[in-house]
Amino acid sequence: MNPPTFATIASVLVDQFHVDAEKANPAATLDGLGLDSLALMEFVFAVEDRFDVRIPEDRLDPREAGVTLERLSDLIDEAVAARQPVDDVAG
């Protein structure tokens, strides 16, 4: 887990979704954050937007029990690493 990635995810959770900072730890499960299913989807979209990536639904379904913030952080890091720089796409 990349600490800066996790810190950004935790920041989105606390600042935009008003979850207590104590709950925003790597082992916290998405379904244990106290957000309803719509808010969970909005949270994942907000994190994806923050990193300018999309995680395929087959890699992450936020409604799936047991998905942790650490797993989300790892998936974001993978998506960022796989993203092609704009210069490579244009050239």
PDB file of N, CA and C in Angstrom:
ATOM      1  N   MET A   1       0.846  -1.186   0.000  1.00  0.00           N
ATOM      2  CA  MET A   1       0.000   0.000   0.000  1.00  0.00           C
ATOM      3  C   MET A   1       0.885   1.241   0.000  1.00  0.00           C
ATOM      4  N   ASN A   2       0.552   2.146  -0.890  1.00  0.00           N
ATOM      5  CA  ASN A   2       1.277   3.394  -1.028  1.00  0.00           C
ATOM      6  C   ASN A   2       0.667   4.423  -0.055  1.00  0.00           C
ATOM      7  N   PRO A   3       1.425   4.861   0.974  1.00  0.00           N
ATOM      8  CA  PRO A   3       0.856   5.790   1.964  1.00  0.00           C
ATOM      9  C   PRO A   3       0.250   7.073   1.389  1.00  0.00           C
ATOM     10  N   PRO A   4       0.871   7.733   0.386  1.00  0.00           N
ATOM     11  CA  PRO A   4       0.226   8.932  -0.156  1.00  0.00           C
ATOM     12  C   PRO A   4      -1.123   8.634  -0.822  1.00  0.00           C
ATOM     13  N   THR A   5      -1.225   7.506  -1.496  1.00  0.00           N
ATOM     14  CA  THR A   5      -2.496   7.127  -2.109  1.00  0.00           C
ATOM     15  C   THR A   5      -3.545   6.918  -1.030  1.00  0.00           C
ATOM     16  N   PHE A   6      -3.174   6.172  -0.003  1.00  0.00           N
ATOM     17  CA  PHE A   6      -4.123   5.923   1.074  1.00  0.00           C
ATOM     18  C   PHE A   6      -4.541   7.228   1.750  1.00  0.00           C
ATOM     19  N   ALA A   7      -3.598   8.127   1.979  1.00  0.00           N
ATOM     20  CA  ALA A   7      -3.914   9.404   2.631  1.00  0.00           C
ATOM     21  C   ALA A   7      -4.927  10.199   1.801  1.00  0.00           C
ATOM     22  N   THR A   8      -4.792  10.159   0.490  1.00  0.00           N
ATOM     23  CA  THR A   8      -5.735  10.860  -0.375  1.00  0.00           C
ATOM     24  C   THR A   8      -7.113  10.230  -0.289  1.00  0.00           C
ATOM     25  N   ILE A   9      -7.168   8.898  -0.304  1.00  0.00           N
ATOM     26  CA  ILE A   9      -8.445   8.189  -0.183  1.00  0.00           C
ATOM     27  C   ILE A   9      -9.110   8.528   1.150  1.00  0.00           C
ATOM     28  N   ALA A  10      -8.337   8.495   2.220  1.00  0.00           N
ATOM     29  CA  ALA A  10      -8.872   8.816   3.545  1.00  0.00           C
ATOM     30  C   ALA A  10      -9.376  10.254   3.588  1.00  0.00           C
ATOM     31  N   SER A  11      -8.665  11.153   2.945  1.00  0.00           N
ATOM     32  CA  SER A  11      -9.073  12.558   2.896  1.00  0.00           C
ATOM     33  C   SER A  11     -10.413  12.718   2.198  1.00  0.00           C
ATOM     34  N   VAL A  12     -10.605  12.024   1.074  1.00  0.00           N
ATOM     35  CA  VAL A  12     -11.886  12.070   0.363  1.00  0.00           C
ATOM     36  C   VAL A  12     -12.991  11.566   1.283  1.00  0.00           C
ATOM     37  N   LEU A  13     -12.735  10.474   1.953  1.00  0.00           N
ATOM     38  CA  LEU A  13     -13.721   9.860   2.834  1.00  0.00           C
ATOM     39  C   LEU A  13     -14.134  10.796   3.965  1.00  0.00           C
ATOM     40  N   VAL A  14     -13.162  11.424   4.589  1.00  0.00           N
ATOM     41  CA  VAL A  14     -13.423  12.298   5.728  1.00  0.00           C
ATOM     42  C   VAL A  14     -14.016  13.641   5.279  1.00  0.00           C
ATOM     43  N   ASP A  15     -13.403  14.258   4.276  1.00  0.00           N
ATOM     44  CA  ASP A  15     -13.808  15.602   3.865  1.00  0.00           C
ATOM     45  C   ASP A  15     -15.120  15.638   3.089  1.00  0.00           C
ATOM     46  N   GLN A  16     -15.321  14.687   2.195  1.00  0.00           N
ATOM     47  CA  GLN A  16     -16.496  14.732   1.331  1.00  0.00           C
ATOM     48  C   GLN A  16     -17.653  13.884   1.840  1.00  0.00           C
ATOM     49  N   PHE A  17     -17.331  12.828   2.612  1.00  0.00           N
ATOM     50  CA  PHE A  17     -18.385  11.909   3.050  1.00  0.00           C
ATOM     51  C   PHE A  17     -18.576  11.917   4.566  1.00  0.00           C
ATOM     52  N   HIS A  18     -17.843  12.794   5.237  1.00  0.00           N
ATOM     53  CA  HIS A  18     -18.010  13.058   6.668  1.00  0.00           C
ATOM     54  C   HIS A  18     -17.923  11.800   7.541  1.00  0.00           C
ATOM     55  N   VAL A  19     -17.013  10.910   7.165  1.00  0.00           N
ATOM     56  CA  VAL A  19     -16.746   9.714   7.962  1.00  0.00           C
ATOM     57  C   VAL A  19     -15.681  10.089   8.983  1.00  0.00           C
ATOM     58  N   ASP A  20     -15.829   9.617  10.205  1.00  0.00           N
ATOM     59  CA  ASP A  20     -14.834   9.895  11.244  1.00  0.00           C
ATOM     60  C   ASP A  20     -13.455   9.434  10.794  1.00  0.00           C
ATOM     61  N   ALA A  21     -12.465  10.278  11.035  1.00  0.00           N
ATOM     62  CA  ALA A  21     -11.096   9.964  10.629  1.00  0.00           C
ATOM     63  C   ALA A  21     -10.604   8.646  11.235  1.00  0.00           C
ATOM     64  N   GLU A  22     -11.082   8.306  12.414  1.00  0.00           N
ATOM     65  CA  GLU A  22     -10.671   7.055  13.064  1.00  0.00           C
ATOM     66  C   GLU A  22     -11.118   5.834  12.267  1.00  0.00           C
ATOM     67  N   LYS A  23     -12.213   5.962  11.542  1.00  0.00           N
ATOM     68  CA  LYS A  23     -12.705   4.844  10.733  1.00  0.00           C
ATOM     69  C   LYS A  23     -11.923   4.694   9.433  1.00  0.00           C
ATOM     70  N   ALA A  24     -11.221   5.732   9.029  1.00  0.00           N
ATOM     71  CA  ALA A  24     -10.490   5.721   7.771  1.00  0.00           C
ATOM     72  C   ALA A  24      -9.109   5.104   7.966  1.00  0.00           C
ATOM     73  N   ASN A  25      -9.096   3.799   8.195  1.00  0.00           N
ATOM     74  CA  ASN A  25      -7.828   3.087   8.356  1.00  0.00           C
ATOM     75  C   ASN A  25      -7.762   1.983   7.310  1.00  0.00           C
ATOM     76  N   PRO A  26      -6.568   1.497   6.987  1.00  0.00           N
ATOM     77  CA  PRO A  26      -6.423   0.520   5.905  1.00  0.00           C
ATOM     78  C   PRO A  26      -7.271  -0.732   6.053  1.00  0.00           C
ATOM     79  N   ALA A  27      -7.513  -1.180   7.268  1.00  0.00           N
ATOM     80  CA  ALA A  27      -8.265  -2.415   7.481  1.00  0.00           C
ATOM     81  C   ALA A  27      -9.779  -2.210   7.445  1.00  0.00           C
ATOM     82  N   ALA A  28     -10.224  -0.969   7.409  1.00  0.00           N
ATOM     83  CA  ALA A  28     -11.662  -0.688   7.390  1.00  0.00           C
ATOM     84  C   ALA A  28     -12.274  -1.213   6.103  1.00  0.00           C
ATOM     85  N   THR A  29     -13.414  -1.880   6.242  1.00  0.00           N
ATOM     86  CA  THR A  29     -14.121  -2.367   5.055  1.00  0.00           C
ATOM     87  C   THR A  29     -15.064  -1.290   4.554  1.00  0.00           C
ATOM     88  N   LEU A  30     -15.267  -1.277   3.248  1.00  0.00           N
ATOM     89  CA  LEU A  30     -16.163  -0.281   2.669  1.00  0.00           C
ATOM     90  C   LEU A  30     -17.560  -0.401   3.251  1.00  0.00           C
ATOM     91  N   ASP A  31     -18.016  -1.645   3.446  1.00  0.00           N
ATOM     92  CA  ASP A  31     -19.362  -1.825   3.986  1.00  0.00           C
ATOM     93  C   ASP A  31     -19.443  -1.496   5.473  1.00  0.00           C
ATOM     94  N   GLY A  32     -18.313  -1.298   6.129  1.00  0.00           N
ATOM     95  CA  GLY A  32     -18.303  -0.948   7.542  1.00  0.00           C
ATOM     96  C   GLY A  32     -18.141   0.538   7.823  1.00  0.00           C
ATOM     97  N   LEU A  33     -18.167   1.346   6.773  1.00  0.00           N
ATOM     98  CA  LEU A  33     -17.947   2.784   6.939  1.00  0.00           C
ATOM     99  C   LEU A  33     -19.203   3.548   7.330  1.00  0.00           C
ATOM    100  N   GLY A  34     -20.356   2.887   7.260  1.00  0.00           N
ATOM    101  CA  GLY A  34     -21.597   3.551   7.614  1.00  0.00           C
ATOM    102  C   GLY A  34     -22.233   4.302   6.461  1.00  0.00           C
ATOM    103  N   LEU A  35     -21.751   4.056   5.240  1.00  0.00           N
ATOM    104  CA  LEU A  35     -22.329   4.697   4.066  1.00  0.00           C
ATOM    105  C   LEU A  35     -23.338   3.754   3.428  1.00  0.00           C
ATOM    106  N   ASP A  36     -24.416   4.311   2.886  1.00  0.00           N
ATOM    107  CA  ASP A  36     -25.362   3.449   2.168  1.00  0.00           C
ATOM    108  C   ASP A  36     -24.761   3.081   0.814  1.00  0.00           C
ATOM    109  N   SER A  37     -25.423   2.204   0.077  1.00  0.00           N
ATOM    110  CA  SER A  37     -24.848   1.683  -1.167  1.00  0.00           C
ATOM    111  C   SER A  37     -24.623   2.786  -2.204  1.00  0.00           C
ATOM    112  N   LEU A  38     -25.507   3.761  -2.278  1.00  0.00           N
ATOM    113  CA  LEU A  38     -25.320   4.864  -3.210  1.00  0.00           C
ATOM    114  C   LEU A  38     -24.105   5.705  -2.819  1.00  0.00           C
ATOM    115  N   ALA A  39     -23.977   6.007  -1.544  1.00  0.00           N
ATOM    116  CA  ALA A  39     -22.832   6.786  -1.077  1.00  0.00           C
ATOM    117  C   ALA A  39     -21.524   6.034  -1.302  1.00  0.00           C
ATOM    118  N   LEU A  40     -21.538   4.709  -1.154  1.00  0.00           N
ATOM    119  CA  LEU A  40     -20.334   3.917  -1.424  1.00  0.00           C
ATOM    120  C   LEU A  40     -19.905   4.063  -2.877  1.00  0.00           C
ATOM    121  N   MET A  41     -20.871   3.979  -3.780  1.00  0.00           N
ATOM    122  CA  MET A  41     -20.558   4.148  -5.201  1.00  0.00           C
ATOM    123  C   MET A  41     -20.032   5.555  -5.465  1.00  0.00           C
ATOM    124  N   GLU A  42     -20.663   6.553  -4.867  1.00  0.00           N
ATOM    125  CA  GLU A  42     -20.213   7.937  -5.044  1.00  0.00           C
ATOM    126  C   GLU A  42     -18.806   8.122  -4.488  1.00  0.00           C
ATOM    127  N   PHE A  43     -18.509   7.470  -3.365  1.00  0.00           N
ATOM    128  CA  PHE A  43     -17.170   7.541  -2.778  1.00  0.00           C
ATOM    129  C   PHE A  43     -16.133   6.969  -3.741  1.00  0.00           C
ATOM    130  N   VAL A  44     -16.400   5.790  -4.289  1.00  0.00           N
ATOM    131  CA  VAL A  44     -15.453   5.178  -5.229  1.00  0.00           C
ATOM    132  C   VAL A  44     -15.278   6.069  -6.455  1.00  0.00           C
ATOM    133  N   PHE A  45     -16.375   6.626  -6.975  1.00  0.00           N
ATOM    134  CA  PHE A  45     -16.270   7.526  -8.125  1.00  0.00           C
ATOM    135  C   PHE A  45     -15.440   8.763  -7.775  1.00  0.00           C
ATOM    136  N   ALA A  46     -15.624   9.303  -6.582  1.00  0.00           N
ATOM    137  CA  ALA A  46     -14.866  10.488  -6.157  1.00  0.00           C
ATOM    138  C   ALA A  46     -13.373  10.171  -6.074  1.00  0.00           C
ATOM    139  N   VAL A  47     -13.040   8.982  -5.573  1.00  0.00           N
ATOM    140  CA  VAL A  47     -11.628   8.574  -5.490  1.00  0.00           C
ATOM    141  C   VAL A  47     -11.065   8.385  -6.900  1.00  0.00           C
ATOM    142  N   GLU A  48     -11.830   7.732  -7.761  1.00  0.00           N
ATOM    143  CA  GLU A  48     -11.368   7.555  -9.139  1.00  0.00           C
ATOM    144  C   GLU A  48     -11.143   8.911  -9.807  1.00  0.00           C
ATOM    145  N   ASP A  49     -12.064   9.832  -9.605  1.00  0.00           N
ATOM    146  CA  ASP A  49     -11.917  11.169 -10.180  1.00  0.00           C
ATOM    147  C   ASP A  49     -10.680  11.871  -9.648  1.00  0.00           C
ATOM    148  N   ARG A  50     -10.418  11.717  -8.370  1.00  0.00           N
ATOM    149  CA  ARG A  50      -9.257  12.372  -7.754  1.00  0.00           C
ATOM    150  C   ARG A  50      -7.957  11.897  -8.410  1.00  0.00           C
ATOM    151  N   PHE A  51      -7.918  10.608  -8.787  1.00  0.00           N
ATOM    152  CA  PHE A  51      -6.710  10.040  -9.394  1.00  0.00           C
ATOM    153  C   PHE A  51      -6.796   9.965 -10.915  1.00  0.00           C
ATOM    154  N   ASP A  52      -7.926  10.400 -11.472  1.00  0.00           N
ATOM    155  CA  ASP A  52      -8.150  10.384 -12.914  1.00  0.00           C
ATOM    156  C   ASP A  52      -7.966   8.980 -13.496  1.00  0.00           C
ATOM    157  N   VAL A  53      -8.598   7.999 -12.852  1.00  0.00           N
ATOM    158  CA  VAL A  53      -8.566   6.605 -13.310  1.00  0.00           C
ATOM    159  C   VAL A  53      -9.957   6.011 -13.162  1.00  0.00           C
ATOM    160  N   ARG A  54     -10.151   4.855 -13.773  1.00  0.00           N
ATOM    161  CA  ARG A  54     -11.363   4.069 -13.586  1.00  0.00           C
ATOM    162  C   ARG A  54     -10.933   2.651 -13.246  1.00  0.00           C
ATOM    163  N   ILE A  55     -11.580   2.090 -12.242  1.00  0.00           N
ATOM    164  CA  ILE A  55     -11.329   0.710 -11.854  1.00  0.00           C
ATOM    165  C   ILE A  55     -12.456  -0.124 -12.460  1.00  0.00           C
ATOM    166  N   PRO A  56     -12.114  -1.112 -13.271  1.00  0.00           N
ATOM    167  CA  PRO A  56     -13.168  -1.953 -13.852  1.00  0.00           C
ATOM    168  C   PRO A  56     -14.015  -2.599 -12.756  1.00  0.00           C
ATOM    169  N   GLU A  57     -15.310  -2.690 -13.011  1.00  0.00           N
ATOM    170  CA  GLU A  57     -16.227  -3.228 -12.013  1.00  0.00           C
ATOM    171  C   GLU A  57     -15.877  -4.656 -11.612  1.00  0.00           C
ATOM    172  N   ASP A  58     -15.275  -5.417 -12.540  1.00  0.00           N
ATOM    173  CA  ASP A  58     -14.899  -6.782 -12.187  1.00  0.00           C
ATOM    174  C   ASP A  58     -13.708  -6.825 -11.220  1.00  0.00           C
ATOM    175  N   ARG A  59     -13.016  -5.703 -11.048  1.00  0.00           N
ATOM    176  CA  ARG A  59     -11.898  -5.612 -10.098  1.00  0.00           C
ATOM    177  C   ARG A  59     -12.355  -5.098  -8.737  1.00  0.00           C
ATOM    178  N   LEU A  60     -13.466  -4.341  -8.733  1.00  0.00           N
ATOM    179  CA  LEU A  60     -13.950  -3.761  -7.481  1.00  0.00           C
ATOM    180  C   LEU A  60     -15.435  -3.496  -7.564  1.00  0.00           C
ATOM    181  N   ASP A  61     -16.167  -4.119  -6.690  1.00  0.00           N
ATOM    182  CA  ASP A  61     -17.586  -3.805  -6.506  1.00  0.00           C
ATOM    183  C   ASP A  61     -17.699  -3.335  -5.063  1.00  0.00           C
ATOM    184  N   PRO A  62     -17.900  -2.023  -4.836  1.00  0.00           N
ATOM    185  CA  PRO A  62     -17.910  -1.500  -3.472  1.00  0.00           C
ATOM    186  C   PRO A  62     -18.997  -2.101  -2.587  1.00  0.00           C
ATOM    187  N   ARG A  63     -19.999  -2.734  -3.202  1.00  0.00           N
ATOM    188  CA  ARG A  63     -21.055  -3.360  -2.401  1.00  0.00           C
ATOM    189  C   ARG A  63     -20.643  -4.735  -1.896  1.00  0.00           C
ATOM    190  N   GLU A  64     -19.532  -5.249  -2.420  1.00  0.00           N
ATOM    191  CA  GLU A  64     -19.045  -6.563  -2.014  1.00  0.00           C
ATOM    192  C   GLU A  64     -18.511  -6.498  -0.579  1.00  0.00           C
ATOM    193  N   ALA A  65     -18.962  -7.395   0.240  1.00  0.00           N
ATOM    194  CA  ALA A  65     -18.542  -7.411   1.647  1.00  0.00           C
ATOM    195  C   ALA A  65     -17.046  -7.698   1.755  1.00  0.00           C
ATOM    196  N   GLY A  66     -16.413  -7.023   2.673  1.00  0.00           N
ATOM    197  CA  GLY A  66     -15.019  -7.303   2.991  1.00  0.00           C
ATOM    198  C   GLY A  66     -13.979  -6.527   2.208  1.00  0.00           C
ATOM    199  N   VAL A  67     -14.382  -5.701   1.239  1.00  0.00           N
ATOM    200  CA  VAL A  67     -13.407  -4.899   0.500  1.00  0.00           C
ATOM    201  C   VAL A  67     -12.887  -3.819   1.437  1.00  0.00           C
ATOM    202  N   THR A  68     -11.571  -3.768   1.605  1.00  0.00           N
ATOM    203  CA  THR A  68     -10.972  -2.818   2.544  1.00  0.00           C
ATOM    204  C   THR A  68     -10.479  -1.558   1.834  1.00  0.00           C
ATOM    205  N   LEU A  69     -10.222  -0.540   2.621  1.00  0.00           N
ATOM    206  CA  LEU A  69      -9.628   0.676   2.072  1.00  0.00           C
ATOM    207  C   LEU A  69      -8.231   0.393   1.535  1.00  0.00           C
ATOM    208  N   GLU A  70      -7.536  -0.543   2.148  1.00  0.00           N
ATOM    209  CA  GLU A  70      -6.215  -0.928   1.638  1.00  0.00           C
ATOM    210  C   GLU A  70      -6.344  -1.525   0.236  1.00  0.00           C
ATOM    211  N   ARG A  71      -7.339  -2.378   0.023  1.00  0.00           N
ATOM    212  CA  ARG A  71      -7.572  -2.970  -1.305  1.00  0.00           C
ATOM    213  C   ARG A  71      -7.897  -1.885  -2.315  1.00  0.00           C
ATOM    214  N   LEU A  72      -8.742  -0.944  -1.936  1.00  0.00           N
ATOM    215  CA  LEU A  72      -9.060   0.169  -2.822  1.00  0.00           C
ATOM    216  C   LEU A  72      -7.797   0.951  -3.168  1.00  0.00           C
ATOM    217  N   SER A  73      -6.957   1.201  -2.185  1.00  0.00           N
ATOM    218  CA  SER A  73      -5.709   1.916  -2.405  1.00  0.00           C
ATOM    219  C   SER A  73      -4.814   1.158  -3.391  1.00  0.00           C
ATOM    220  N   ASP A  74      -4.711  -0.148  -3.212  1.00  0.00           N
ATOM    221  CA  ASP A  74      -3.889  -0.962  -4.120  1.00  0.00           C
ATOM    222  C   ASP A  74      -4.434  -0.921  -5.547  1.00  0.00           C
ATOM    223  N   LEU A  75      -5.761  -1.003  -5.690  1.00  0.00           N
ATOM    224  CA  LEU A  75      -6.373  -0.956  -7.018  1.00  0.00           C
ATOM    225  C   LEU A  75      -6.152   0.394  -7.695  1.00  0.00           C
ATOM    226  N   ILE A  76      -6.213   1.460  -6.921  1.00  0.00           N
ATOM    227  CA  ILE A  76      -5.933   2.796  -7.465  1.00  0.00           C
ATOM    228  C   ILE A  76      -4.485   2.858  -7.937  1.00  0.00           C
ATOM    229  N   ASP A  77      -3.559   2.362  -7.129  1.00  0.00           N
ATOM    230  CA  ASP A  77      -2.147   2.372  -7.527  1.00  0.00           C
ATOM    231  C   ASP A  77      -1.925   1.578  -8.809  1.00  0.00           C
ATOM    232  N   GLU A  78      -2.585   0.426  -8.925  1.00  0.00           N
ATOM    233  CA  GLU A  78      -2.473  -0.383 -10.140  1.00  0.00           C
ATOM    234  C   GLU A  78      -3.018   0.370 -11.351  1.00  0.00           C
ATOM    235  N   ALA A  79      -4.148   1.022 -11.186  1.00  0.00           N
ATOM    236  CA  ALA A  79      -4.759   1.765 -12.287  1.00  0.00           C
ATOM    237  C   ALA A  79      -3.890   2.947 -12.709  1.00  0.00           C
ATOM    238  N   VAL A  80      -3.302   3.631 -11.739  1.00  0.00           N
ATOM    239  CA  VAL A  80      -2.419   4.758 -12.045  1.00  0.00           C
ATOM    240  C   VAL A  80      -1.178   4.252 -12.787  1.00  0.00           C
ATOM    241  N   ALA A  81      -0.607   3.142 -12.352  1.00  0.00           N
ATOM    242  CA  ALA A  81       0.590   2.588 -12.987  1.00  0.00           C
ATOM    243  C   ALA A  81       0.306   2.125 -14.417  1.00  0.00           C
ATOM    244  N   ALA A  82      -0.909   1.659 -14.670  1.00  0.00           N
ATOM    245  CA  ALA A  82      -1.268   1.150 -15.990  1.00  0.00           C
ATOM    246  C   ALA A  82      -1.681   2.254 -16.961  1.00  0.00           C
ATOM    247  N   ARG A  83      -1.939   3.419 -16.420  1.00  0.00           N
ATOM    248  CA  ARG A  83      -2.407   4.536 -17.256  1.00  0.00           C
ATOM    249  C   ARG A  83      -1.285   4.988 -18.177  1.00  0.00           C
ATOM    250  N   GLN A  84      -1.615   5.198 -19.447  1.00  0.00           N
ATOM    251  CA  GLN A  84      -0.627   5.690 -20.395  1.00  0.00           C
ATOM    252  C   GLN A  84      -0.517   7.201 -20.275  1.00  0.00           C
ATOM    253  N   PRO A  85       0.709   7.714 -20.259  1.00  0.00           N
ATOM    254  CA  PRO A  85       0.849   9.177 -20.282  1.00  0.00           C
ATOM    255  C   PRO A  85       0.214   9.750 -21.547  1.00  0.00           C
ATOM    256  N   VAL A  86      -0.302  10.948 -21.442  1.00  0.00           N
ATOM    257  CA  VAL A  86      -0.968  11.601 -22.570  1.00  0.00           C
ATOM    258  C   VAL A  86      -0.036  11.697 -23.759  1.00  0.00           C
ATOM    259  N   ASP A  87       1.259  11.989 -23.552  1.00  0.00           N
ATOM    260  CA  ASP A  87       2.216  12.106 -24.641  1.00  0.00           C
ATOM    261  C   ASP A  87       2.339  10.804 -25.425  1.00  0.00           C
ATOM    262  N   ASP A  88       2.300   9.644 -24.735  1.00  0.00           N
ATOM    263  CA  ASP A  88       2.403   8.348 -25.407  1.00  0.00           C
ATOM    264  C   ASP A  88       1.189   8.086 -26.293  1.00  0.00           C
ATOM    265  N   VAL A  89       0.030   8.487 -25.841  1.00  0.00           N
ATOM    266  CA  VAL A  89      -1.197   8.254 -26.601  1.00  0.00           C
ATOM    267  C   VAL A  89      -1.200   9.121 -27.852  1.00  0.00           C
ATOM    268  N   ALA A  90      -0.766  10.370 -27.738  1.00  0.00           N
ATOM    269  CA  ALA A  90      -0.793  11.305 -28.854  1.00  0.00           C
ATOM    270  C   ALA A  90       0.296  11.007 -29.886  1.00  0.00           C
ATOM    271  N   GLY A  91       1.408  10.454 -29.430  1.00  0.00           N
ATOM    272  CA  GLY A  91       2.552  10.312 -30.309  1.00  0.00           C
ATOM    273  C   GLY A  91       2.654   9.013 -30.946  1.00  0.00           C
TER     274      GLY A  91
END
